[in-house]
Amino acid sequence: SVVFLQKVKTAKRIYATIIHAKTN
């Protein structure tokens, strides 16, 4: 499974935005 991450300023289209991540 792949999630392709790009900076907003260089993305041609945006499907979703990751606003925060955390783990423990």
mmCIF file of all heavy atoms, coordinates in Angstrom:
data_MODEL
# 
_entry.id   MODEL 
# 
loop_
_atom_site.group_PDB 
_atom_site.id 
_atom_site.type_symbol 
_atom_site.label_atom_id 
_atom_site.label_alt_id 
_atom_site.label_comp_id 
_atom_site.label_asym_id 
_atom_site.label_entity_id 
_atom_site.label_seq_id 
_atom_site.pdbx_PDB_ins_code 
_atom_site.Cartn_x 
_atom_site.Cartn_y 
_atom_site.Cartn_z 
_atom_site.occupancy 
_atom_site.B_iso_or_equiv 
_atom_site.pdbx_formal_charge 
_atom_site.auth_seq_id 
_atom_site.auth_comp_id 
_atom_site.auth_asym_id 
_atom_site.auth_atom_id 
_atom_site.pdbx_PDB_model_num 
ATOM 1   N N   . SER A 1 1  ? 0.860  -1.175 0.000   1.00 0.00 ? 1  SER A N   1 
ATOM 2   C CA  . SER A 1 1  ? 0.000  0.000  0.000   1.00 0.00 ? 1  SER A CA  1 
ATOM 3   C C   . SER A 1 1  ? 0.896  1.225  0.000   1.00 0.00 ? 1  SER A C   1 
ATOM 4   O O   . SER A 1 1  ? 1.948  1.236  0.638   1.00 0.00 ? 1  SER A O   1 
ATOM 5   C CB  . SER A 1 1  ? -0.881 -0.027 1.248   1.00 0.00 ? 1  SER A CB  1 
ATOM 6   O OG  . SER A 1 1  ? -1.998 0.783  1.091   1.00 0.00 ? 1  SER A OG  1 
ATOM 7   N N   . VAL A 1 2  ? 0.499  2.255  -0.730  1.00 0.00 ? 2  VAL A N   1 
ATOM 8   C CA  . VAL A 1 2  ? 1.347  3.435  -0.875  1.00 0.00 ? 2  VAL A CA  1 
ATOM 9   C C   . VAL A 1 2  ? 0.537  4.701  -0.633  1.00 0.00 ? 2  VAL A C   1 
ATOM 10  O O   . VAL A 1 2  ? -0.586 4.826  -1.105  1.00 0.00 ? 2  VAL A O   1 
ATOM 11  C CB  . VAL A 1 2  ? 1.946  3.497  -2.311  1.00 0.00 ? 2  VAL A CB  1 
ATOM 12  C CG1 . VAL A 1 2  ? 2.753  4.770  -2.512  1.00 0.00 ? 2  VAL A CG1 1 
ATOM 13  C CG2 . VAL A 1 2  ? 2.786  2.275  -2.588  1.00 0.00 ? 2  VAL A CG2 1 
ATOM 14  N N   . VAL A 1 3  ? 1.124  5.619  0.093   1.00 0.00 ? 3  VAL A N   1 
ATOM 15  C CA  . VAL A 1 3  ? 0.584  6.960  0.224   1.00 0.00 ? 3  VAL A CA  1 
ATOM 16  C C   . VAL A 1 3  ? 1.668  7.889  -0.303  1.00 0.00 ? 3  VAL A C   1 
ATOM 17  O O   . VAL A 1 3  ? 2.802  7.878  0.175   1.00 0.00 ? 3  VAL A O   1 
ATOM 18  C CB  . VAL A 1 3  ? 0.246  7.307  1.693   1.00 0.00 ? 3  VAL A CB  1 
ATOM 19  C CG1 . VAL A 1 3  ? -0.138 8.773  1.828   1.00 0.00 ? 3  VAL A CG1 1 
ATOM 20  C CG2 . VAL A 1 3  ? -0.861 6.419  2.206   1.00 0.00 ? 3  VAL A CG2 1 
ATOM 21  N N   . PHE A 1 4  ? 1.346  8.648  -1.321  1.00 0.00 ? 4  PHE A N   1 
ATOM 22  C CA  . PHE A 1 4  ? 2.302  9.571  -1.932  1.00 0.00 ? 4  PHE A CA  1 
ATOM 23  C C   . PHE A 1 4  ? 2.134  10.934 -1.294  1.00 0.00 ? 4  PHE A C   1 
ATOM 24  O O   . PHE A 1 4  ? 1.075  11.553 -1.392  1.00 0.00 ? 4  PHE A O   1 
ATOM 25  C CB  . PHE A 1 4  ? 2.062  9.640  -3.446  1.00 0.00 ? 4  PHE A CB  1 
ATOM 26  C CG  . PHE A 1 4  ? 3.033  10.522 -4.165  1.00 0.00 ? 4  PHE A CG  1 
ATOM 27  C CD1 . PHE A 1 4  ? 4.373  10.175 -4.250  1.00 0.00 ? 4  PHE A CD1 1 
ATOM 28  C CD2 . PHE A 1 4  ? 2.610  11.695 -4.751  1.00 0.00 ? 4  PHE A CD2 1 
ATOM 29  C CE1 . PHE A 1 4  ? 5.268  10.981 -4.917  1.00 0.00 ? 4  PHE A CE1 1 
ATOM 30  C CE2 . PHE A 1 4  ? 3.502  12.520 -5.414  1.00 0.00 ? 4  PHE A CE2 1 
ATOM 31  C CZ  . PHE A 1 4  ? 4.843  12.159 -5.502  1.00 0.00 ? 4  PHE A CZ  1 
ATOM 32  N N   . LEU A 1 5  ? 3.166  11.396 -0.606  1.00 0.00 ? 5  LEU A N   1 
ATOM 33  C CA  . LEU A 1 5  ? 3.114  12.680 0.089   1.00 0.00 ? 5  LEU A CA  1 
ATOM 34  C C   . LEU A 1 5  ? 3.827  13.748 -0.722  1.00 0.00 ? 5  LEU A C   1 
ATOM 35  O O   . LEU A 1 5  ? 4.913  13.516 -1.251  1.00 0.00 ? 5  LEU A O   1 
ATOM 36  C CB  . LEU A 1 5  ? 3.771  12.566 1.468   1.00 0.00 ? 5  LEU A CB  1 
ATOM 37  C CG  . LEU A 1 5  ? 3.173  11.541 2.426   1.00 0.00 ? 5  LEU A CG  1 
ATOM 38  C CD1 . LEU A 1 5  ? 3.990  11.463 3.698   1.00 0.00 ? 5  LEU A CD1 1 
ATOM 39  C CD2 . LEU A 1 5  ? 1.733  11.869 2.739   1.00 0.00 ? 5  LEU A CD2 1 
ATOM 40  N N   . GLN A 1 6  ? 3.208  14.905 -0.818  1.00 0.00 ? 6  GLN A N   1 
ATOM 41  C CA  . GLN A 1 6  ? 3.784  16.041 -1.526  1.00 0.00 ? 6  GLN A CA  1 
ATOM 42  C C   . GLN A 1 6  ? 3.502  17.310 -0.749  1.00 0.00 ? 6  GLN A C   1 
ATOM 43  O O   . GLN A 1 6  ? 2.510  17.393 -0.019  1.00 0.00 ? 6  GLN A O   1 
ATOM 44  C CB  . GLN A 1 6  ? 3.122  16.211 -2.900  1.00 0.00 ? 6  GLN A CB  1 
ATOM 45  C CG  . GLN A 1 6  ? 3.760  15.471 -4.014  1.00 0.00 ? 6  GLN A CG  1 
ATOM 46  C CD  . GLN A 1 6  ? 3.094  15.857 -5.338  1.00 0.00 ? 6  GLN A CD  1 
ATOM 47  O OE1 . GLN A 1 6  ? 1.903  15.667 -5.487  1.00 0.00 ? 6  GLN A OE1 1 
ATOM 48  N NE2 . GLN A 1 6  ? 3.862  16.387 -6.247  1.00 0.00 ? 6  GLN A NE2 1 
ATOM 49  N N   . LYS A 1 7  ? 4.351  18.290 -0.960  1.00 0.00 ? 7  LYS A N   1 
ATOM 50  C CA  . LYS A 1 7  ? 4.069  19.604 -0.405  1.00 0.00 ? 7  LYS A CA  1 
ATOM 51  C C   . LYS A 1 7  ? 2.909  20.213 -1.177  1.00 0.00 ? 7  LYS A C   1 
ATOM 52  O O   . LYS A 1 7  ? 2.787  20.030 -2.381  1.00 0.00 ? 7  LYS A O   1 
ATOM 53  C CB  . LYS A 1 7  ? 5.296  20.503 -0.513  1.00 0.00 ? 7  LYS A CB  1 
ATOM 54  C CG  . LYS A 1 7  ? 6.431  20.048 0.369   1.00 0.00 ? 7  LYS A CG  1 
ATOM 55  C CD  . LYS A 1 7  ? 7.595  20.986 0.249   1.00 0.00 ? 7  LYS A CD  1 
ATOM 56  C CE  . LYS A 1 7  ? 8.719  20.497 1.154   1.00 0.00 ? 7  LYS A CE  1 
ATOM 57  N NZ  . LYS A 1 7  ? 9.888  21.371 1.061   1.00 0.00 ? 7  LYS A NZ  1 
ATOM 58  N N   . VAL A 1 8  ? 2.044  20.930 -0.494  1.00 0.00 ? 8  VAL A N   1 
ATOM 59  C CA  . VAL A 1 8  ? 0.868  21.531 -1.112  1.00 0.00 ? 8  VAL A CA  1 
ATOM 60  C C   . VAL A 1 8  ? 1.262  22.417 -2.294  1.00 0.00 ? 8  VAL A C   1 
ATOM 61  O O   . VAL A 1 8  ? 0.637  22.386 -3.349  1.00 0.00 ? 8  VAL A O   1 
ATOM 62  C CB  . VAL A 1 8  ? 0.050  22.338 -0.072  1.00 0.00 ? 8  VAL A CB  1 
ATOM 63  C CG1 . VAL A 1 8  ? -1.046 23.139 -0.728  1.00 0.00 ? 8  VAL A CG1 1 
ATOM 64  C CG2 . VAL A 1 8  ? -0.522 21.411 0.971   1.00 0.00 ? 8  VAL A CG2 1 
ATOM 65  N N   . LYS A 1 9  ? 2.340  23.166 -2.133  1.00 0.00 ? 9  LYS A N   1 
ATOM 66  C CA  . LYS A 1 9  ? 2.716  24.123 -3.194  1.00 0.00 ? 9  LYS A CA  1 
ATOM 67  C C   . LYS A 1 9  ? 3.164  23.440 -4.486  1.00 0.00 ? 9  LYS A C   1 
ATOM 68  O O   . LYS A 1 9  ? 3.139  24.044 -5.546  1.00 0.00 ? 9  LYS A O   1 
ATOM 69  C CB  . LYS A 1 9  ? 3.786  25.091 -2.692  1.00 0.00 ? 9  LYS A CB  1 
ATOM 70  C CG  . LYS A 1 9  ? 5.113  24.441 -2.347  1.00 0.00 ? 9  LYS A CG  1 
ATOM 71  C CD  . LYS A 1 9  ? 6.082  25.461 -1.808  1.00 0.00 ? 9  LYS A CD  1 
ATOM 72  C CE  . LYS A 1 9  ? 7.399  24.796 -1.463  1.00 0.00 ? 9  LYS A CE  1 
ATOM 73  N NZ  . LYS A 1 9  ? 8.327  25.707 -0.846  1.00 0.00 ? 9  LYS A NZ  1 
ATOM 74  N N   . THR A 1 10 ? 3.540  22.158 -4.432  1.00 0.00 ? 10 THR A N   1 
ATOM 75  C CA  . THR A 1 10 ? 3.976  21.465 -5.649  1.00 0.00 ? 10 THR A CA  1 
ATOM 76  C C   . THR A 1 10 ? 2.978  20.416 -6.136  1.00 0.00 ? 10 THR A C   1 
ATOM 77  O O   . THR A 1 10 ? 3.179  19.825 -7.188  1.00 0.00 ? 10 THR A O   1 
ATOM 78  C CB  . THR A 1 10 ? 5.347  20.782 -5.431  1.00 0.00 ? 10 THR A CB  1 
ATOM 79  O OG1 . THR A 1 10 ? 5.220  19.856 -4.355  1.00 0.00 ? 10 THR A OG1 1 
ATOM 80  C CG2 . THR A 1 10 ? 6.431  21.800 -5.130  1.00 0.00 ? 10 THR A CG2 1 
ATOM 81  N N   . ALA A 1 11 ? 1.900  20.203 -5.402  1.00 0.00 ? 11 ALA A N   1 
ATOM 82  C CA  . ALA A 1 11 ? 0.925  19.170 -5.768  1.00 0.00 ? 11 ALA A CA  1 
ATOM 83  C C   . ALA A 1 11 ? 0.032  19.631 -6.918  1.00 0.00 ? 11 ALA A C   1 
ATOM 84  O O   . ALA A 1 11 ? -0.413 20.772 -6.949  1.00 0.00 ? 11 ALA A O   1 
ATOM 85  C CB  . ALA A 1 11 ? 0.067  18.818 -4.561  1.00 0.00 ? 11 ALA A CB  1 
ATOM 86  N N   . LYS A 1 12 ? -0.213 18.732 -7.868  1.00 0.00 ? 12 LYS A N   1 
ATOM 87  C CA  . LYS A 1 12 ? -1.131 19.043 -8.973  1.00 0.00 ? 12 LYS A CA  1 
ATOM 88  C C   . LYS A 1 12 ? -2.578 18.854 -8.536  1.00 0.00 ? 12 LYS A C   1 
ATOM 89  O O   . LYS A 1 12 ? -3.471 19.504 -9.034  1.00 0.00 ? 12 LYS A O   1 
ATOM 90  C CB  . LYS A 1 12 ? -0.819 18.163 -10.171 1.00 0.00 ? 12 LYS A CB  1 
ATOM 91  C CG  . LYS A 1 12 ? 0.558  18.485 -10.716 1.00 0.00 ? 12 LYS A CG  1 
ATOM 92  C CD  . LYS A 1 12 ? 0.760  17.951 -12.073 1.00 0.00 ? 12 LYS A CD  1 
ATOM 93  C CE  . LYS A 1 12 ? 2.155  18.370 -12.423 1.00 0.00 ? 12 LYS A CE  1 
ATOM 94  N NZ  . LYS A 1 12 ? 2.647  18.298 -13.619 1.00 0.00 ? 12 LYS A NZ  1 
ATOM 95  N N   . ARG A 1 13 ? -2.824 17.932 -7.642  1.00 0.00 ? 13 ARG A N   1 
ATOM 96  C CA  . ARG A 1 13 ? -4.147 17.764 -7.061  1.00 0.00 ? 13 ARG A CA  1 
ATOM 97  C C   . ARG A 1 13 ? -3.972 17.232 -5.643  1.00 0.00 ? 13 ARG A C   1 
ATOM 98  O O   . ARG A 1 13 ? -2.987 16.581 -5.326  1.00 0.00 ? 13 ARG A O   1 
ATOM 99  C CB  . ARG A 1 13 ? -5.035 16.866 -7.896  1.00 0.00 ? 13 ARG A CB  1 
ATOM 100 C CG  . ARG A 1 13 ? -4.541 15.513 -8.178  1.00 0.00 ? 13 ARG A CG  1 
ATOM 101 C CD  . ARG A 1 13 ? -5.485 14.768 -9.134  1.00 0.00 ? 13 ARG A CD  1 
ATOM 102 N NE  . ARG A 1 13 ? -5.105 14.787 -10.508 1.00 0.00 ? 13 ARG A NE  1 
ATOM 103 C CZ  . ARG A 1 13 ? -4.191 14.007 -11.057 1.00 0.00 ? 13 ARG A CZ  1 
ATOM 104 N NH1 . ARG A 1 13 ? -3.552 13.146 -10.344 1.00 0.00 ? 13 ARG A NH1 1 
ATOM 105 N NH2 . ARG A 1 13 ? -3.920 14.080 -12.323 1.00 0.00 ? 13 ARG A NH2 1 
ATOM 106 N N   . ILE A 1 14 ? -4.962 17.512 -4.809  1.00 0.00 ? 14 ILE A N   1 
ATOM 107 C CA  . ILE A 1 14 ? -4.901 17.104 -3.403  1.00 0.00 ? 14 ILE A CA  1 
ATOM 108 C C   . ILE A 1 14 ? -6.127 16.261 -3.102  1.00 0.00 ? 14 ILE A C   1 
ATOM 109 O O   . ILE A 1 14 ? -7.257 16.702 -3.289  1.00 0.00 ? 14 ILE A O   1 
ATOM 110 C CB  . ILE A 1 14 ? -4.856 18.333 -2.470  1.00 0.00 ? 14 ILE A CB  1 
ATOM 111 C CG1 . ILE A 1 14 ? -3.595 19.157 -2.770  1.00 0.00 ? 14 ILE A CG1 1 
ATOM 112 C CG2 . ILE A 1 14 ? -4.895 17.896 -1.006  1.00 0.00 ? 14 ILE A CG2 1 
ATOM 113 C CD1 . ILE A 1 14 ? -3.560 20.494 -2.064  1.00 0.00 ? 14 ILE A CD1 1 
ATOM 114 N N   . TYR A 1 15 ? -5.894 15.041 -2.656  1.00 0.00 ? 15 TYR A N   1 
ATOM 115 C CA  . TYR A 1 15 ? -6.990 14.139 -2.309  1.00 0.00 ? 15 TYR A CA  1 
ATOM 116 C C   . TYR A 1 15 ? -7.308 14.196 -0.819  1.00 0.00 ? 15 TYR A C   1 
ATOM 117 O O   . TYR A 1 15 ? -8.437 13.995 -0.411  1.00 0.00 ? 15 TYR A O   1 
ATOM 118 C CB  . TYR A 1 15 ? -6.639 12.700 -2.686  1.00 0.00 ? 15 TYR A CB  1 
ATOM 119 C CG  . TYR A 1 15 ? -6.480 12.506 -4.174  1.00 0.00 ? 15 TYR A CG  1 
ATOM 120 C CD1 . TYR A 1 15 ? -5.227 12.402 -4.752  1.00 0.00 ? 15 TYR A CD1 1 
ATOM 121 C CD2 . TYR A 1 15 ? -7.592 12.422 -5.006  1.00 0.00 ? 15 TYR A CD2 1 
ATOM 122 C CE1 . TYR A 1 15 ? -5.079 12.211 -6.118  1.00 0.00 ? 15 TYR A CE1 1 
ATOM 123 C CE2 . TYR A 1 15 ? -7.458 12.250 -6.368  1.00 0.00 ? 15 TYR A CE2 1 
ATOM 124 C CZ  . TYR A 1 15 ? -6.197 12.142 -6.916  1.00 0.00 ? 15 TYR A CZ  1 
ATOM 125 O OH  . TYR A 1 15 ? -6.068 11.972 -8.259  1.00 0.00 ? 15 TYR A OH  1 
ATOM 126 N N   . ALA A 1 16 ? -6.306 14.425 -0.027  1.00 0.00 ? 16 ALA A N   1 
ATOM 127 C CA  . ALA A 1 16 ? -6.486 14.495 1.423   1.00 0.00 ? 16 ALA A CA  1 
ATOM 128 C C   . ALA A 1 16 ? -5.305 15.250 2.012   1.00 0.00 ? 16 ALA A C   1 
ATOM 129 O O   . ALA A 1 16 ? -4.254 15.372 1.376   1.00 0.00 ? 16 ALA A O   1 
ATOM 130 C CB  . ALA A 1 16 ? -6.560 13.093 2.024   1.00 0.00 ? 16 ALA A CB  1 
ATOM 131 N N   . THR A 1 17 ? -5.481 15.730 3.216   1.00 0.00 ? 17 THR A N   1 
ATOM 132 C CA  . THR A 1 17 ? -4.420 16.447 3.901   1.00 0.00 ? 17 THR A CA  1 
ATOM 133 C C   . THR A 1 17 ? -4.189 15.798 5.260   1.00 0.00 ? 17 THR A C   1 
ATOM 134 O O   . THR A 1 17 ? -5.147 15.589 6.005   1.00 0.00 ? 17 THR A O   1 
ATOM 135 C CB  . THR A 1 17 ? -4.809 17.931 4.098   1.00 0.00 ? 17 THR A CB  1 
ATOM 136 O OG1 . THR A 1 17 ? -5.089 18.496 2.820   1.00 0.00 ? 17 THR A OG1 1 
ATOM 137 C CG2 . THR A 1 17 ? -3.696 18.704 4.768   1.00 0.00 ? 17 THR A CG2 1 
ATOM 138 N N   . ILE A 1 18 ? -2.949 15.473 5.539   1.00 0.00 ? 18 ILE A N   1 
ATOM 139 C CA  . ILE A 1 18 ? -2.591 14.957 6.866   1.00 0.00 ? 18 ILE A CA  1 
ATOM 140 C C   . ILE A 1 18 ? -2.239 16.170 7.706   1.00 0.00 ? 18 ILE A C   1 
ATOM 141 O O   . ILE A 1 18 ? -1.289 16.888 7.400   1.00 0.00 ? 18 ILE A O   1 
ATOM 142 C CB  . ILE A 1 18 ? -1.404 13.976 6.786   1.00 0.00 ? 18 ILE A CB  1 
ATOM 143 C CG1 . ILE A 1 18 ? -1.801 12.763 5.939   1.00 0.00 ? 18 ILE A CG1 1 
ATOM 144 C CG2 . ILE A 1 18 ? -0.945 13.577 8.188   1.00 0.00 ? 18 ILE A CG2 1 
ATOM 145 C CD1 . ILE A 1 18 ? -0.653 11.810 5.644   1.00 0.00 ? 18 ILE A CD1 1 
ATOM 146 N N   . ILE A 1 19 ? -3.023 16.419 8.746   1.00 0.00 ? 19 ILE A N   1 
ATOM 147 C CA  . ILE A 1 19 ? -2.784 17.609 9.554   1.00 0.00 ? 19 ILE A CA  1 
ATOM 148 C C   . ILE A 1 19 ? -1.929 17.327 10.786  1.00 0.00 ? 19 ILE A C   1 
ATOM 149 O O   . ILE A 1 19 ? -1.346 18.239 11.345  1.00 0.00 ? 19 ILE A O   1 
ATOM 150 C CB  . ILE A 1 19 ? -4.101 18.298 9.972   1.00 0.00 ? 19 ILE A CB  1 
ATOM 151 C CG1 . ILE A 1 19 ? -4.982 17.350 10.770  1.00 0.00 ? 19 ILE A CG1 1 
ATOM 152 C CG2 . ILE A 1 19 ? -4.822 18.849 8.772   1.00 0.00 ? 19 ILE A CG2 1 
ATOM 153 C CD1 . ILE A 1 19 ? -6.160 18.019 11.433  1.00 0.00 ? 19 ILE A CD1 1 
ATOM 154 N N   . HIS A 1 20 ? -1.860 16.049 11.179  1.00 0.00 ? 20 HIS A N   1 
ATOM 155 C CA  . HIS A 1 20 ? -1.075 15.735 12.371  1.00 0.00 ? 20 HIS A CA  1 
ATOM 156 C C   . HIS A 1 20 ? -0.905 14.224 12.453  1.00 0.00 ? 20 HIS A C   1 
ATOM 157 O O   . HIS A 1 20 ? -1.753 13.480 11.960  1.00 0.00 ? 20 HIS A O   1 
ATOM 158 C CB  . HIS A 1 20 ? -1.796 16.247 13.621  1.00 0.00 ? 20 HIS A CB  1 
ATOM 159 C CG  . HIS A 1 20 ? -0.979 16.264 14.863  1.00 0.00 ? 20 HIS A CG  1 
ATOM 160 N ND1 . HIS A 1 20 ? 0.222  16.919 14.952  1.00 0.00 ? 20 HIS A ND1 1 
ATOM 161 C CD2 . HIS A 1 20 ? -1.190 15.717 16.077  1.00 0.00 ? 20 HIS A CD2 1 
ATOM 162 C CE1 . HIS A 1 20 ? 0.706  16.772 16.174  1.00 0.00 ? 20 HIS A CE1 1 
ATOM 163 N NE2 . HIS A 1 20 ? -0.136 16.047 16.883  1.00 0.00 ? 20 HIS A NE2 1 
ATOM 164 N N   . ALA A 1 21 ? 0.150  13.784 13.052  1.00 0.00 ? 21 ALA A N   1 
ATOM 165 C CA  . ALA A 1 21 ? 0.375  12.354 13.274  1.00 0.00 ? 21 ALA A CA  1 
ATOM 166 C C   . ALA A 1 21 ? 1.032  12.171 14.632  1.00 0.00 ? 21 ALA A C   1 
ATOM 167 O O   . ALA A 1 21 ? 1.785  13.030 15.095  1.00 0.00 ? 21 ALA A O   1 
ATOM 168 C CB  . ALA A 1 21 ? 1.265  11.774 12.178  1.00 0.00 ? 21 ALA A CB  1 
ATOM 169 N N   . LYS A 1 22 ? 0.713  11.074 15.272  1.00 0.00 ? 22 LYS A N   1 
ATOM 170 C CA  . LYS A 1 22 ? 1.262  10.803 16.603  1.00 0.00 ? 22 LYS A CA  1 
ATOM 171 C C   . LYS A 1 22 ? 1.205  9.296  16.835  1.00 0.00 ? 22 LYS A C   1 
ATOM 172 O O   . LYS A 1 22 ? 0.311  8.623  16.329  1.00 0.00 ? 22 LYS A O   1 
ATOM 173 C CB  . LYS A 1 22 ? 0.432  11.538 17.653  1.00 0.00 ? 22 LYS A CB  1 
ATOM 174 C CG  . LYS A 1 22 ? 1.062  11.647 19.012  1.00 0.00 ? 22 LYS A CG  1 
ATOM 175 C CD  . LYS A 1 22 ? 0.231  12.607 19.866  1.00 0.00 ? 22 LYS A CD  1 
ATOM 176 C CE  . LYS A 1 22 ? 0.901  12.930 21.149  1.00 0.00 ? 22 LYS A CE  1 
ATOM 177 N NZ  . LYS A 1 22 ? 2.022  13.851 21.017  1.00 0.00 ? 22 LYS A NZ  1 
ATOM 178 N N   . THR A 1 23 ? 2.128  8.761  17.570  1.00 0.00 ? 23 THR A N   1 
ATOM 179 C CA  . THR A 1 23 ? 2.142  7.336  17.879  1.00 0.00 ? 23 THR A CA  1 
ATOM 180 C C   . THR A 1 23 ? 2.661  7.127  19.294  1.00 0.00 ? 23 THR A C   1 
ATOM 181 O O   . THR A 1 23 ? 3.258  8.033  19.879  1.00 0.00 ? 23 THR A O   1 
ATOM 182 C CB  . THR A 1 23 ? 2.993  6.554  16.856  1.00 0.00 ? 23 THR A CB  1 
ATOM 183 O OG1 . THR A 1 23 ? 2.858  5.156  17.104  1.00 0.00 ? 23 THR A OG1 1 
ATOM 184 C CG2 . THR A 1 23 ? 4.457  6.939  16.935  1.00 0.00 ? 23 THR A CG2 1 
ATOM 185 N N   . ASN A 1 24 ? 2.411  5.963  19.809  1.00 0.00 ? 24 ASN A N   1 
ATOM 186 C CA  . ASN A 1 24 ? 2.988  5.621  21.108  1.00 0.00 ? 24 ASN A CA  1 
ATOM 187 C C   . ASN A 1 24 ? 3.271  4.126  21.155  1.00 0.00 ? 24 ASN A C   1 
ATOM 188 O O   . ASN A 1 24 ? 2.735  3.355  20.369  1.00 0.00 ? 24 ASN A O   1 
ATOM 189 C CB  . ASN A 1 24 ? 2.066  6.020  22.263  1.00 0.00 ? 24 ASN A CB  1 
ATOM 190 C CG  . ASN A 1 24 ? 0.912  5.063  22.460  1.00 0.00 ? 24 ASN A CG  1 
ATOM 191 O OD1 . ASN A 1 24 ? 0.351  4.548  21.498  1.00 0.00 ? 24 ASN A OD1 1 
ATOM 192 N ND2 . ASN A 1 24 ? 0.536  4.830  23.695  1.00 0.00 ? 24 ASN A ND2 1 
# 
